[in-house]
Amino acid sequence: MRTKKTAALTTLAALVAAGLAGAGPAAAADGGMLPHPGPDGLVWVEEFRGDGGVASGGAWDSLPTVLTVACDGGGDVRVTMDSKGTIVAAFDVKCPASGGADVGVGSASMAAGVVRPGDFTIVVDASAQTTRWSLTVTQPE
């Protein structure tokens, strides 16, 4: 059941990210910067460029939550996670200009209960529309 829910939320996340940025994600020539999060994953955005974000309805308050963002292409990204009207995570990631295996990574780990049950949103504000980023949200059991 959790696998089907994860697949549906991943699809929703990709659609929402495309809607928030006003354009579809660019195809990755060399694959995503973050691997698929597996069965603990709530959201996976394999690759996106510029400003964007995701929304999900699948969080549990009984599990810890980990938000991870990787980026390249120069500049930086500002990441903000909101759960039920409360900012639960905010951080910046410096994005190397070189690309390839050289990526910047930032993460926020939240204890069980910090992310409230149900929906949450994540906004990624890129310093340039050419900045490439990837995102995962997991709730490890």
N, C-alpha and C. Protein backbone atom coordinates (compact mmCIF):
# COMPACT_ATOMS: atom_id res chain seq x y z
N MET A 1 0.82 -1.19 0.00
CA MET A 1 0.00 0.00 0.00
C MET A 1 0.87 1.25 0.00
N ARG A 2 1.93 1.26 0.82
CA ARG A 2 2.79 2.44 0.92
C ARG A 2 3.49 2.70 -0.42
N THR A 3 3.85 1.64 -1.16
CA THR A 3 4.51 1.80 -2.45
C THR A 3 3.58 2.50 -3.44
N LYS A 4 2.31 2.10 -3.48
CA LYS A 4 1.34 2.76 -4.37
C LYS A 4 1.15 4.21 -3.99
N LYS A 5 1.08 4.48 -2.68
CA LYS A 5 0.91 5.84 -2.19
C LYS A 5 2.13 6.69 -2.56
N THR A 6 3.32 6.11 -2.42
CA THR A 6 4.55 6.83 -2.76
C THR A 6 4.58 7.17 -4.25
N ALA A 7 4.20 6.22 -5.10
CA ALA A 7 4.19 6.47 -6.55
C ALA A 7 3.21 7.58 -6.89
N ALA A 8 2.04 7.56 -6.27
CA ALA A 8 1.04 8.60 -6.54
C ALA A 8 1.54 9.97 -6.07
N LEU A 9 2.18 10.02 -4.90
CA LEU A 9 2.68 11.29 -4.39
C LEU A 9 3.85 11.81 -5.21
N THR A 10 4.68 10.90 -5.71
CA THR A 10 5.79 11.32 -6.57
C THR A 10 5.25 11.95 -7.84
N THR A 11 4.23 11.34 -8.42
CA THR A 11 3.61 11.90 -9.62
C THR A 11 3.00 13.26 -9.30
N LEU A 12 2.28 13.37 -8.18
CA LEU A 12 1.69 14.64 -7.78
C LEU A 12 2.76 15.69 -7.59
N ALA A 13 3.85 15.32 -6.95
CA ALA A 13 4.93 16.28 -6.70
C ALA A 13 5.51 16.82 -8.00
N ALA A 14 5.72 15.96 -8.97
CA ALA A 14 6.26 16.41 -10.25
C ALA A 14 5.28 17.34 -10.96
N LEU A 15 4.01 17.02 -10.90
CA LEU A 15 3.01 17.88 -11.54
C LEU A 15 2.91 19.23 -10.86
N VAL A 16 2.94 19.24 -9.53
CA VAL A 16 2.88 20.50 -8.80
C VAL A 16 4.10 21.34 -9.07
N ALA A 17 5.28 20.73 -9.09
CA ALA A 17 6.51 21.47 -9.37
C ALA A 17 6.43 22.13 -10.74
N ALA A 18 5.92 21.43 -11.71
CA ALA A 18 5.79 22.00 -13.05
C ALA A 18 4.81 23.16 -13.03
N GLY A 19 3.74 23.05 -12.28
CA GLY A 19 2.74 24.12 -12.20
C GLY A 19 3.27 25.34 -11.49
N LEU A 20 4.04 25.17 -10.43
CA LEU A 20 4.57 26.30 -9.68
C LEU A 20 5.60 27.08 -10.47
N ALA A 21 6.37 26.40 -11.29
CA ALA A 21 7.43 27.08 -12.03
C ALA A 21 6.96 27.59 -13.37
N GLY A 22 5.84 27.12 -13.87
CA GLY A 22 5.31 27.60 -15.13
C GLY A 22 5.90 26.90 -16.34
N ALA A 23 6.74 25.90 -16.14
CA ALA A 23 7.32 25.15 -17.25
C ALA A 23 7.67 23.76 -16.76
N GLY A 24 7.73 22.81 -17.66
CA GLY A 24 8.04 21.45 -17.29
C GLY A 24 9.51 21.28 -16.98
N PRO A 25 9.86 20.22 -16.24
CA PRO A 25 11.26 19.99 -15.90
C PRO A 25 12.09 19.62 -17.13
N ALA A 26 13.33 20.04 -17.12
CA ALA A 26 14.25 19.70 -18.20
C ALA A 26 14.70 18.25 -18.03
N ALA A 27 14.93 17.58 -19.12
CA ALA A 27 15.37 16.18 -19.07
C ALA A 27 16.82 16.11 -18.61
N ALA A 28 17.11 15.17 -17.74
CA ALA A 28 18.48 15.00 -17.24
C ALA A 28 19.29 14.19 -18.22
N ALA A 29 20.38 14.77 -18.68
CA ALA A 29 21.26 14.05 -19.59
C ALA A 29 22.06 12.98 -18.85
N ASP A 30 22.38 13.27 -17.57
CA ASP A 30 23.23 12.35 -16.81
C ASP A 30 22.50 11.77 -15.60
N GLY A 31 21.19 11.83 -15.57
CA GLY A 31 20.42 11.27 -14.46
C GLY A 31 20.24 12.26 -13.33
N GLY A 32 19.43 11.86 -12.34
CA GLY A 32 19.13 12.72 -11.21
C GLY A 32 20.29 12.87 -10.25
N MET A 33 20.25 13.92 -9.47
CA MET A 33 21.31 14.18 -8.50
C MET A 33 21.09 13.41 -7.20
N LEU A 34 19.83 13.09 -6.89
CA LEU A 34 19.50 12.30 -5.70
C LEU A 34 18.81 11.02 -6.16
N PRO A 35 19.17 9.90 -5.59
CA PRO A 35 18.53 8.64 -5.99
C PRO A 35 17.09 8.58 -5.51
N HIS A 36 16.32 7.72 -6.11
CA HIS A 36 14.95 7.49 -5.65
C HIS A 36 15.01 7.10 -4.17
N PRO A 37 14.13 7.67 -3.34
CA PRO A 37 14.21 7.42 -1.90
C PRO A 37 13.71 6.06 -1.43
N GLY A 38 13.19 5.24 -2.32
CA GLY A 38 12.74 3.91 -1.93
C GLY A 38 11.46 3.94 -1.12
N PRO A 39 11.22 2.89 -0.33
CA PRO A 39 9.94 2.76 0.36
C PRO A 39 9.71 3.80 1.47
N ASP A 40 10.77 4.47 1.94
CA ASP A 40 10.60 5.51 2.96
C ASP A 40 10.24 6.86 2.36
N GLY A 41 10.24 6.94 1.02
CA GLY A 41 10.05 8.21 0.35
C GLY A 41 8.61 8.66 0.27
N LEU A 42 8.40 9.95 0.52
CA LEU A 42 7.11 10.59 0.32
C LEU A 42 7.11 11.37 -1.00
N VAL A 43 8.23 12.01 -1.30
CA VAL A 43 8.35 12.85 -2.50
C VAL A 43 9.73 12.65 -3.10
N TRP A 44 9.78 12.61 -4.42
CA TRP A 44 11.05 12.60 -5.15
C TRP A 44 10.87 13.46 -6.39
N VAL A 45 11.65 14.52 -6.51
CA VAL A 45 11.73 15.30 -7.73
C VAL A 45 13.11 14.99 -8.30
N GLU A 46 13.13 14.22 -9.38
CA GLU A 46 14.40 13.76 -9.94
C GLU A 46 15.25 14.92 -10.44
N GLU A 47 14.63 15.85 -11.14
CA GLU A 47 15.36 17.02 -11.64
C GLU A 47 14.39 18.13 -12.00
N PHE A 48 14.78 19.36 -11.68
CA PHE A 48 14.01 20.54 -12.05
C PHE A 48 14.99 21.70 -12.20
N ARG A 49 14.60 22.71 -12.96
CA ARG A 49 15.45 23.90 -13.13
C ARG A 49 14.67 25.15 -12.73
N GLY A 50 15.36 26.06 -12.04
CA GLY A 50 14.73 27.32 -11.64
C GLY A 50 13.86 27.17 -10.42
N ASP A 51 12.96 28.15 -10.24
CA ASP A 51 12.05 28.14 -9.09
C ASP A 51 11.02 27.03 -9.23
N GLY A 52 10.61 26.46 -8.12
CA GLY A 52 9.59 25.42 -8.14
C GLY A 52 9.24 24.98 -6.74
N GLY A 53 8.60 23.84 -6.64
CA GLY A 53 8.22 23.32 -5.34
C GLY A 53 7.32 22.12 -5.49
N VAL A 54 6.87 21.62 -4.35
CA VAL A 54 5.99 20.46 -4.33
C VAL A 54 4.96 20.61 -3.22
N ALA A 55 3.90 19.85 -3.34
CA ALA A 55 2.90 19.72 -2.27
C ALA A 55 2.57 18.25 -2.14
N SER A 56 2.31 17.82 -0.92
CA SER A 56 1.99 16.42 -0.69
C SER A 56 0.94 16.32 0.40
N GLY A 57 0.24 15.22 0.41
CA GLY A 57 -0.75 14.98 1.44
C GLY A 57 -0.44 13.74 2.25
N GLY A 58 0.79 13.27 2.23
CA GLY A 58 1.07 11.96 2.80
C GLY A 58 1.93 11.91 4.04
N ALA A 59 2.09 12.99 4.79
CA ALA A 59 2.98 12.97 5.95
C ALA A 59 2.32 12.32 7.16
N TRP A 60 3.15 11.65 7.97
CA TRP A 60 2.72 11.07 9.24
C TRP A 60 3.46 11.78 10.35
N ASP A 61 2.78 12.06 11.43
CA ASP A 61 3.44 12.75 12.54
C ASP A 61 4.15 11.79 13.50
N SER A 62 3.99 10.49 13.29
CA SER A 62 4.63 9.52 14.17
C SER A 62 6.02 9.10 13.70
N LEU A 63 6.47 9.66 12.57
CA LEU A 63 7.78 9.31 12.02
C LEU A 63 8.63 10.56 11.85
N PRO A 64 9.96 10.45 11.96
CA PRO A 64 10.82 11.59 11.64
C PRO A 64 10.74 11.89 10.15
N THR A 65 11.11 13.09 9.77
CA THR A 65 11.05 13.52 8.37
C THR A 65 12.40 14.08 7.98
N VAL A 66 12.88 13.71 6.78
CA VAL A 66 14.15 14.23 6.27
C VAL A 66 13.90 14.84 4.90
N LEU A 67 14.23 16.11 4.75
CA LEU A 67 14.15 16.84 3.49
C LEU A 67 15.57 17.04 2.98
N THR A 68 15.85 16.59 1.75
CA THR A 68 17.17 16.73 1.16
C THR A 68 17.05 17.37 -0.21
N VAL A 69 17.92 18.34 -0.49
CA VAL A 69 17.96 19.02 -1.78
C VAL A 69 19.40 19.02 -2.28
N ALA A 70 19.58 18.70 -3.56
CA ALA A 70 20.89 18.77 -4.21
C ALA A 70 20.76 19.72 -5.39
N CYS A 71 21.84 20.41 -5.74
CA CYS A 71 21.76 21.35 -6.86
C CYS A 71 23.12 21.55 -7.52
N ASP A 72 23.07 22.05 -8.76
CA ASP A 72 24.28 22.47 -9.47
C ASP A 72 23.87 23.55 -10.47
N GLY A 73 24.81 24.04 -11.22
CA GLY A 73 24.53 25.06 -12.22
C GLY A 73 24.83 26.48 -11.77
N GLY A 74 25.43 26.62 -10.62
CA GLY A 74 25.79 27.95 -10.12
C GLY A 74 24.71 28.57 -9.26
N GLY A 75 25.12 29.55 -8.46
CA GLY A 75 24.18 30.24 -7.59
C GLY A 75 23.82 29.43 -6.37
N ASP A 76 22.58 29.58 -5.93
CA ASP A 76 22.11 28.84 -4.76
C ASP A 76 20.60 28.66 -4.84
N VAL A 77 20.09 27.82 -3.95
CA VAL A 77 18.65 27.65 -3.80
C VAL A 77 18.28 27.87 -2.34
N ARG A 78 17.15 28.51 -2.11
CA ARG A 78 16.58 28.70 -0.77
C ARG A 78 15.41 27.72 -0.67
N VAL A 79 15.42 26.85 0.33
CA VAL A 79 14.42 25.81 0.48
C VAL A 79 13.61 26.08 1.74
N THR A 80 12.29 26.06 1.61
CA THR A 80 11.40 26.28 2.74
C THR A 80 10.33 25.20 2.76
N MET A 81 10.13 24.57 3.91
CA MET A 81 9.09 23.54 4.07
C MET A 81 8.07 24.04 5.07
N ASP A 82 6.79 23.97 4.68
CA ASP A 82 5.68 24.40 5.51
C ASP A 82 4.78 23.21 5.80
N SER A 83 4.41 23.04 7.06
CA SER A 83 3.48 21.98 7.47
C SER A 83 2.33 22.62 8.23
N LYS A 84 1.15 22.58 7.63
CA LYS A 84 -0.06 23.12 8.27
C LYS A 84 0.11 24.57 8.73
N GLY A 85 0.73 25.40 7.87
CA GLY A 85 0.88 26.82 8.17
C GLY A 85 2.07 27.19 9.03
N THR A 86 2.94 26.24 9.33
CA THR A 86 4.13 26.51 10.14
C THR A 86 5.37 26.14 9.34
N ILE A 87 6.34 27.05 9.28
CA ILE A 87 7.62 26.75 8.64
C ILE A 87 8.36 25.77 9.55
N VAL A 88 8.64 24.56 9.03
CA VAL A 88 9.32 23.53 9.83
C VAL A 88 10.77 23.34 9.41
N ALA A 89 11.13 23.86 8.24
CA ALA A 89 12.53 23.77 7.78
C ALA A 89 12.78 24.91 6.79
N ALA A 90 13.97 25.48 6.87
CA ALA A 90 14.41 26.50 5.92
C ALA A 90 15.93 26.46 5.88
N PHE A 91 16.48 26.35 4.67
CA PHE A 91 17.93 26.32 4.53
C PHE A 91 18.31 26.72 3.12
N ASP A 92 19.58 27.08 2.95
CA ASP A 92 20.15 27.44 1.65
C ASP A 92 21.14 26.37 1.24
N VAL A 93 21.24 26.15 -0.07
CA VAL A 93 22.23 25.23 -0.61
C VAL A 93 23.00 25.97 -1.69
N LYS A 94 24.32 25.99 -1.59
CA LYS A 94 25.20 26.58 -2.61
C LYS A 94 25.35 25.57 -3.74
N CYS A 95 25.14 26.02 -4.97
CA CYS A 95 25.12 25.13 -6.13
C CYS A 95 26.38 25.33 -6.97
N PRO A 96 27.29 24.36 -7.00
CA PRO A 96 28.50 24.49 -7.80
C PRO A 96 28.16 24.70 -9.28
N ALA A 97 28.98 25.48 -9.96
CA ALA A 97 28.74 25.77 -11.37
C ALA A 97 29.16 24.62 -12.28
N SER A 98 30.05 23.76 -11.81
CA SER A 98 30.63 22.73 -12.67
C SER A 98 29.67 21.63 -13.08
N GLY A 99 28.67 21.31 -12.27
CA GLY A 99 27.73 20.24 -12.60
C GLY A 99 28.36 18.88 -12.48
N GLY A 100 27.76 17.90 -13.14
CA GLY A 100 28.26 16.53 -13.08
C GLY A 100 28.18 15.97 -11.69
N ALA A 101 29.26 15.34 -11.22
CA ALA A 101 29.27 14.72 -9.90
C ALA A 101 29.42 15.75 -8.79
N ASP A 102 29.81 16.98 -9.13
CA ASP A 102 30.02 18.04 -8.15
C ASP A 102 28.70 18.78 -7.92
N VAL A 103 27.97 18.39 -6.86
CA VAL A 103 26.70 19.03 -6.53
C VAL A 103 26.72 19.51 -5.09
N GLY A 104 25.94 20.54 -4.82
CA GLY A 104 25.75 20.99 -3.45
C GLY A 104 24.58 20.23 -2.85
N VAL A 105 24.68 19.89 -1.57
CA VAL A 105 23.60 19.15 -0.91
C VAL A 105 23.30 19.80 0.43
N GLY A 106 22.02 19.96 0.70
CA GLY A 106 21.56 20.45 1.99
C GLY A 106 20.43 19.57 2.49
N SER A 107 20.29 19.50 3.80
CA SER A 107 19.29 18.61 4.36
C SER A 107 18.77 19.15 5.68
N ALA A 108 17.53 18.83 6.00
CA ALA A 108 16.95 19.14 7.30
C ALA A 108 16.32 17.86 7.83
N SER A 109 16.70 17.49 9.06
CA SER A 109 16.11 16.32 9.72
C SER A 109 15.21 16.81 10.84
N MET A 110 13.97 16.35 10.83
CA MET A 110 12.99 16.78 11.81
C MET A 110 12.49 15.58 12.62
N ALA A 111 12.39 15.75 13.91
CA ALA A 111 11.92 14.68 14.79
C ALA A 111 10.45 14.37 14.50
N ALA A 112 10.02 13.19 14.89
CA ALA A 112 8.61 12.82 14.76
C ALA A 112 7.74 13.89 15.42
N GLY A 113 6.66 14.25 14.75
CA GLY A 113 5.74 15.25 15.27
C GLY A 113 5.97 16.66 14.78
N VAL A 114 7.17 16.97 14.28
CA VAL A 114 7.44 18.32 13.76
C VAL A 114 6.61 18.56 12.50
N VAL A 115 6.64 17.60 11.58
CA VAL A 115 5.78 17.67 10.40
C VAL A 115 4.45 17.07 10.82
N ARG A 116 3.39 17.86 10.71
CA ARG A 116 2.07 17.44 11.16
C ARG A 116 1.45 16.47 10.16
N PRO A 117 0.49 15.67 10.59
CA PRO A 117 -0.10 14.69 9.68
C PRO A 117 -0.82 15.36 8.51
N GLY A 118 -0.68 14.75 7.34
CA GLY A 118 -1.37 15.26 6.16
C GLY A 118 -0.47 16.06 5.24
N ASP A 119 -0.94 17.22 4.84
CA ASP A 119 -0.28 17.96 3.77
C ASP A 119 0.90 18.81 4.25
N PHE A 120 1.82 19.01 3.31
CA PHE A 120 2.94 19.93 3.50
C PHE A 120 3.32 20.48 2.14
N THR A 121 4.01 21.61 2.13
CA THR A 121 4.50 22.20 0.88
C THR A 121 5.98 22.52 1.04
N ILE A 122 6.67 22.48 -0.09
CA ILE A 122 8.09 22.85 -0.13
C ILE A 122 8.26 23.82 -1.29
N VAL A 123 8.92 24.94 -1.03
CA VAL A 123 9.22 25.92 -2.06
C VAL A 123 10.73 25.95 -2.25
N VAL A 124 11.16 25.90 -3.51
CA VAL A 124 12.57 26.02 -3.86
C VAL A 124 12.72 27.29 -4.68
N ASP A 125 13.44 28.25 -4.13
CA ASP A 125 13.66 29.54 -4.78
C ASP A 125 15.11 29.56 -5.28
N ALA A 126 15.26 29.42 -6.60
CA ALA A 126 16.60 29.36 -7.20
C ALA A 126 17.08 30.75 -7.56
N SER A 127 18.37 30.99 -7.42
CA SER A 127 18.93 32.31 -7.75
C SER A 127 18.99 32.54 -9.26
N ALA A 128 18.88 31.46 -10.05
CA ALA A 128 18.87 31.58 -11.51
C ALA A 128 17.97 30.50 -12.09
N GLN A 129 17.34 30.77 -13.20
CA GLN A 129 16.47 29.78 -13.83
C GLN A 129 17.26 28.62 -14.44
N THR A 130 18.56 28.74 -14.53
CA THR A 130 19.40 27.66 -15.04
C THR A 130 19.90 26.73 -13.93
N THR A 131 19.66 27.10 -12.67
CA THR A 131 20.08 26.26 -11.55
C THR A 131 19.24 24.99 -11.55
N ARG A 132 19.92 23.85 -11.52
CA ARG A 132 19.27 22.53 -11.55
C ARG A 132 19.24 21.97 -10.14
N TRP A 133 18.09 21.41 -9.75
CA TRP A 133 17.98 20.84 -8.41
C TRP A 133 17.16 19.56 -8.40
N SER A 134 17.36 18.80 -7.33
CA SER A 134 16.65 17.55 -7.08
C SER A 134 16.23 17.58 -5.61
N LEU A 135 15.15 16.87 -5.27
CA LEU A 135 14.61 16.93 -3.92
C LEU A 135 14.03 15.59 -3.50
N THR A 136 14.22 15.22 -2.24
CA THR A 136 13.54 14.06 -1.67
C THR A 136 13.00 14.43 -0.29
N VAL A 137 11.88 13.82 0.06
CA VAL A 137 11.34 13.87 1.41
C VAL A 137 11.11 12.42 1.83
N THR A 138 11.72 12.05 2.95
CA THR A 138 11.56 10.68 3.44
C THR A 138 11.05 10.70 4.87
N GLN A 139 10.41 9.60 5.23
CA GLN A 139 10.02 9.37 6.62
C GLN A 139 10.47 7.96 6.98
N PRO A 140 11.74 7.84 7.40
CA PRO A 140 12.29 6.51 7.72
C PRO A 140 11.54 5.86 8.87
N GLU A 141 11.27 4.58 8.72
CA GLU A 141 10.58 3.83 9.79
C GLU A 141 11.59 3.23 10.74
